[in-house]
């Protein structure tokens, strides 16, 4: 029986993605709540001018507000605990979705009544 020969493996390629300005803004938001300081930190991290960093911070705030409004519209319904279940039993949330019916009702054609003369 032959010994198994090892095949040469290709060299491992490492992908390098430099950080982006939105990532720098996200990091700055974790450090401070003041938008001016966030823009300053993001500008220093990325080496861009302050106006570009301010625009990125404003865009990030606008997206965060839109996401908060969307989250406020969602409602999770938690049903009452099952009968006989302990009080500290975990409750499961139920999300109710309304889907329109795909069955189309057929409208009956009007019936014609033939009257016979007397």
C-alpha atoms as a PDB file:
ATOM      1  CA  UNK A   1       0.000   0.000   0.000  1.00  0.00           C
ATOM      2  CA  UNK A   2       1.297   3.447  -0.911  1.00  0.00           C
ATOM      3  CA  UNK A   3       1.749   6.198   1.605  1.00  0.00           C
ATOM      4  CA  UNK A   4      -0.605   9.118   1.061  1.00  0.00           C
ATOM      5  CA  UNK A   5       1.199  12.071  -0.473  1.00  0.00           C
ATOM      6  CA  UNK A   6       0.305  15.512   0.739  1.00  0.00           C
ATOM      7  CA  UNK A   7      -0.809  17.877  -1.977  1.00  0.00           C
ATOM      8  CA  UNK A   8       0.662  21.334  -1.870  1.00  0.00           C
ATOM      9  CA  UNK A   9      -1.893  23.822  -0.651  1.00  0.00           C
ATOM     10  CA  UNK A  10      -2.287  27.247  -2.243  1.00  0.00           C
ATOM     11  CA  UNK A  11      -1.057  30.257  -0.319  1.00  0.00           C
ATOM     12  CA  UNK A  12      -3.564  31.788   2.061  1.00  0.00           C
ATOM     13  CA  UNK A  13      -4.776  35.145   0.844  1.00  0.00           C
ATOM     14  CA  UNK A  14      -5.845  37.634   3.471  1.00  0.00           C
ATOM     15  CA  UNK A  15      -8.382  40.240   2.492  1.00  0.00           C
ATOM     16  CA  UNK A  16      -7.689  43.686   3.865  1.00  0.00           C
ATOM     17  CA  UNK A  17     -10.641  46.080   4.086  1.00  0.00           C
ATOM     18  CA  UNK A  18      -9.722  49.517   5.391  1.00  0.00           C
ATOM     19  CA  UNK A  19     -12.219  51.030   7.839  1.00  0.00           C
ATOM     20  CA  UNK A  20     -14.945  53.264   6.456  1.00  0.00           C
ATOM     21  CA  UNK A  21     -16.289  56.583   7.693  1.00  0.00           C
ATOM     22  CA  UNK A  22     -19.620  55.074   8.926  1.00  0.00           C
ATOM     23  CA  UNK A  23     -17.615  52.568  10.985  1.00  0.00           C
ATOM     24  CA  UNK A  24     -15.606  55.429  12.485  1.00  0.00           C
ATOM     25  CA  UNK A  25     -18.841  57.271  13.318  1.00  0.00           C
ATOM     26  CA  UNK A  26     -20.186  54.114  14.978  1.00  0.00           C
ATOM     27  CA  UNK A  27     -17.021  53.890  17.092  1.00  0.00           C
ATOM     28  CA  UNK A  28     -17.304  57.580  17.997  1.00  0.00           C
ATOM     29  CA  UNK A  29     -20.938  57.117  19.036  1.00  0.00           C
ATOM     30  CA  UNK A  30     -19.769  54.485  21.485  1.00  0.00           C
ATOM     31  CA  UNK A  31     -17.345  56.959  23.060  1.00  0.00           C
ATOM     32  CA  UNK A  32     -19.494  60.070  23.440  1.00  0.00           C
ATOM     33  CA  UNK A  33     -23.057  61.330  23.040  1.00  0.00           C
ATOM     34  CA  UNK A  34     -22.139  64.809  21.747  1.00  0.00           C
ATOM     35  CA  UNK A  35     -22.437  64.942  17.923  1.00  0.00           C
ATOM     36  CA  UNK A  36     -19.669  67.557  17.652  1.00  0.00           C
ATOM     37  CA  UNK A  37     -17.234  65.341  19.546  1.00  0.00           C
ATOM     38  CA  UNK A  38     -18.350  62.348  17.473  1.00  0.00           C
ATOM     39  CA  UNK A  39     -17.529  64.245  14.271  1.00  0.00           C
ATOM     40  CA  UNK A  40     -14.142  65.283  15.669  1.00  0.00           C
ATOM     41  CA  UNK A  41     -13.260  61.701  16.677  1.00  0.00           C
ATOM     42  CA  UNK A  42     -14.413  60.280  13.326  1.00  0.00           C
ATOM     43  CA  UNK A  43     -12.450  62.940  11.421  1.00  0.00           C
ATOM     44  CA  UNK A  44      -9.284  62.156  13.369  1.00  0.00           C
ATOM     45  CA  UNK A  45      -9.720  58.397  12.950  1.00  0.00           C
ATOM     46  CA  UNK A  46     -10.260  58.582   9.203  1.00  0.00           C
ATOM     47  CA  UNK A  47      -8.150  61.622   8.342  1.00  0.00           C
ATOM     48  CA  UNK A  48     -11.019  63.497   6.661  1.00  0.00           C
ATOM     49  CA  UNK A  49     -12.129  67.089   7.074  1.00  0.00           C
ATOM     50  CA  UNK A  50     -14.652  68.057   9.754  1.00  0.00           C
ATOM     51  CA  UNK A  51     -17.449  68.916   7.298  1.00  0.00           C
ATOM     52  CA  UNK A  52     -17.432  65.411   5.837  1.00  0.00           C
ATOM     53  CA  UNK A  53     -17.400  63.885   9.318  1.00  0.00           C
ATOM     54  CA  UNK A  54     -20.285  66.136  10.441  1.00  0.00           C
ATOM     55  CA  UNK A  55     -22.338  65.043   7.454  1.00  0.00           C
ATOM     56  CA  UNK A  56     -21.664  61.378   8.269  1.00  0.00           C
ATOM     57  CA  UNK A  57     -22.652  61.900  11.931  1.00  0.00           C
ATOM     58  CA  UNK A  58     -25.880  63.665  10.883  1.00  0.00           C
ATOM     59  CA  UNK A  59     -26.703  60.820   8.482  1.00  0.00           C
ATOM     60  CA  UNK A  60     -26.073  58.238  11.221  1.00  0.00           C
ATOM     61  CA  UNK A  61     -28.366  60.134  13.609  1.00  0.00           C
ATOM     62  CA  UNK A  62     -31.086  60.344  10.948  1.00  0.00           C
ATOM     63  CA  UNK A  63     -30.866  56.586  10.335  1.00  0.00           C
ATOM     64  CA  UNK A  64     -30.977  55.872  14.085  1.00  0.00           C
ATOM     65  CA  UNK A  65     -34.121  58.007  14.493  1.00  0.00           C
ATOM     66  CA  UNK A  66     -35.813  56.251  11.573  1.00  0.00           C
ATOM     67  CA  UNK A  67     -34.941  52.875  13.073  1.00  0.00           C
ATOM     68  CA  UNK A  68     -36.326  53.951  16.464  1.00  0.00           C
ATOM     69  CA  UNK A  69     -39.592  55.059  14.818  1.00  0.00           C
ATOM     70  CA  UNK A  70     -39.848  51.708  13.029  1.00  0.00           C
ATOM     71  CA  UNK A  71     -39.198  49.794  16.265  1.00  0.00           C
ATOM     72  CA  UNK A  72     -41.891  51.820  18.044  1.00  0.00           C
ATOM     73  CA  UNK A  73     -44.498  50.677  15.497  1.00  0.00           C
ATOM     74  CA  UNK A  74     -43.862  46.988  16.139  1.00  0.00           C
ATOM     75  CA  UNK A  75     -45.825  45.405  18.926  1.00  0.00           C
ATOM     76  CA  UNK A  76     -45.021  42.089  20.549  1.00  0.00           C
ATOM     77  CA  UNK A  77     -47.975  40.437  22.229  1.00  0.00           C
ATOM     78  CA  UNK A  78     -47.237  38.209  25.204  1.00  0.00           C
ATOM     79  CA  UNK A  79     -50.092  35.895  26.077  1.00  0.00           C
ATOM     80  CA  UNK A  80     -51.149  35.098  29.601  1.00  0.00           C
ATOM     81  CA  UNK A  81     -49.317  32.191  31.235  1.00  0.00           C
ATOM     82  CA  UNK A  82     -50.801  28.757  30.761  1.00  0.00           C
ATOM     83  CA  UNK A  83     -53.073  27.392  33.428  1.00  0.00           C
ATOM     84  CA  UNK A  84     -51.043  25.572  36.049  1.00  0.00           C
ATOM     85  CA  UNK A  85     -47.703  26.923  34.828  1.00  0.00           C
ATOM     86  CA  UNK A  86     -45.386  28.435  37.437  1.00  0.00           C
ATOM     87  CA  UNK A  87     -45.397  32.221  37.664  1.00  0.00           C
ATOM     88  CA  UNK A  88     -41.754  32.506  36.583  1.00  0.00           C
ATOM     89  CA  UNK A  89     -42.277  30.347  33.474  1.00  0.00           C
ATOM     90  CA  UNK A  90     -40.912  32.046  30.362  1.00  0.00           C
ATOM     91  CA  UNK A  91     -43.492  33.702  28.172  1.00  0.00           C
ATOM     92  CA  UNK A  92     -43.171  33.507  24.449  1.00  0.00           C
ATOM     93  CA  UNK A  93     -43.936  36.529  22.329  1.00  0.00           C
ATOM     94  CA  UNK A  94     -46.371  36.187  19.490  1.00  0.00           C
ATOM     95  CA  UNK A  95     -46.106  38.280  16.360  1.00  0.00           C
ATOM     96  CA  UNK A  96     -49.341  38.523  14.445  1.00  0.00           C
ATOM     97  CA  UNK A  97     -49.119  39.240  10.740  1.00  0.00           C
ATOM     98  CA  UNK A  98     -52.058  39.932   8.539  1.00  0.00           C
ATOM     99  CA  UNK A  99     -51.675  38.509   5.073  1.00  0.00           C
ATOM    100  CA  UNK A 100     -54.262  39.232   2.420  1.00  0.00           C
ATOM    101  CA  UNK A 101     -56.125  36.279   1.058  1.00  0.00           C
ATOM    102  CA  UNK A 102     -55.051  35.038  -2.344  1.00  0.00           C
ATOM    103  CA  UNK A 103     -58.448  33.497  -3.058  1.00  0.00           C
ATOM    104  CA  UNK A 104     -60.540  35.781  -5.168  1.00  0.00           C
ATOM    105  CA  UNK A 105     -64.271  35.583  -4.779  1.00  0.00           C
ATOM    106  CA  UNK A 106     -66.068  35.162  -8.025  1.00  0.00           C
ATOM    107  CA  UNK A 107     -69.003  37.443  -8.416  1.00  0.00           C
ATOM    108  CA  UNK A 108     -72.064  35.535  -9.639  1.00  0.00           C
ATOM    109  CA  UNK A 109     -73.495  36.757 -12.879  1.00  0.00           C
ATOM    110  CA  UNK A 110     -76.918  38.270 -12.657  1.00  0.00           C
ATOM    111  CA  UNK A 111     -79.561  35.780 -13.580  1.00  0.00           C
ATOM    112  CA  UNK A 112     -81.938  36.663 -16.331  1.00  0.00           C
ATOM    113  CA  UNK A 113     -85.598  36.055 -15.736  1.00  0.00           C
ATOM    114  CA  UNK A 114     -87.642  35.300 -18.784  1.00  0.00           C
ATOM    115  CA  UNK A 115     -91.222  36.259 -18.516  1.00  0.00           C
ATOM    116  CA  UNK A 116     -93.644  34.413 -20.661  1.00  0.00           C
ATOM    117  CA  UNK A 117     -96.631  36.241 -21.990  1.00  0.00           C
ATOM    118  CA  UNK A 118    -100.015  35.130 -20.655  1.00  0.00           C
END
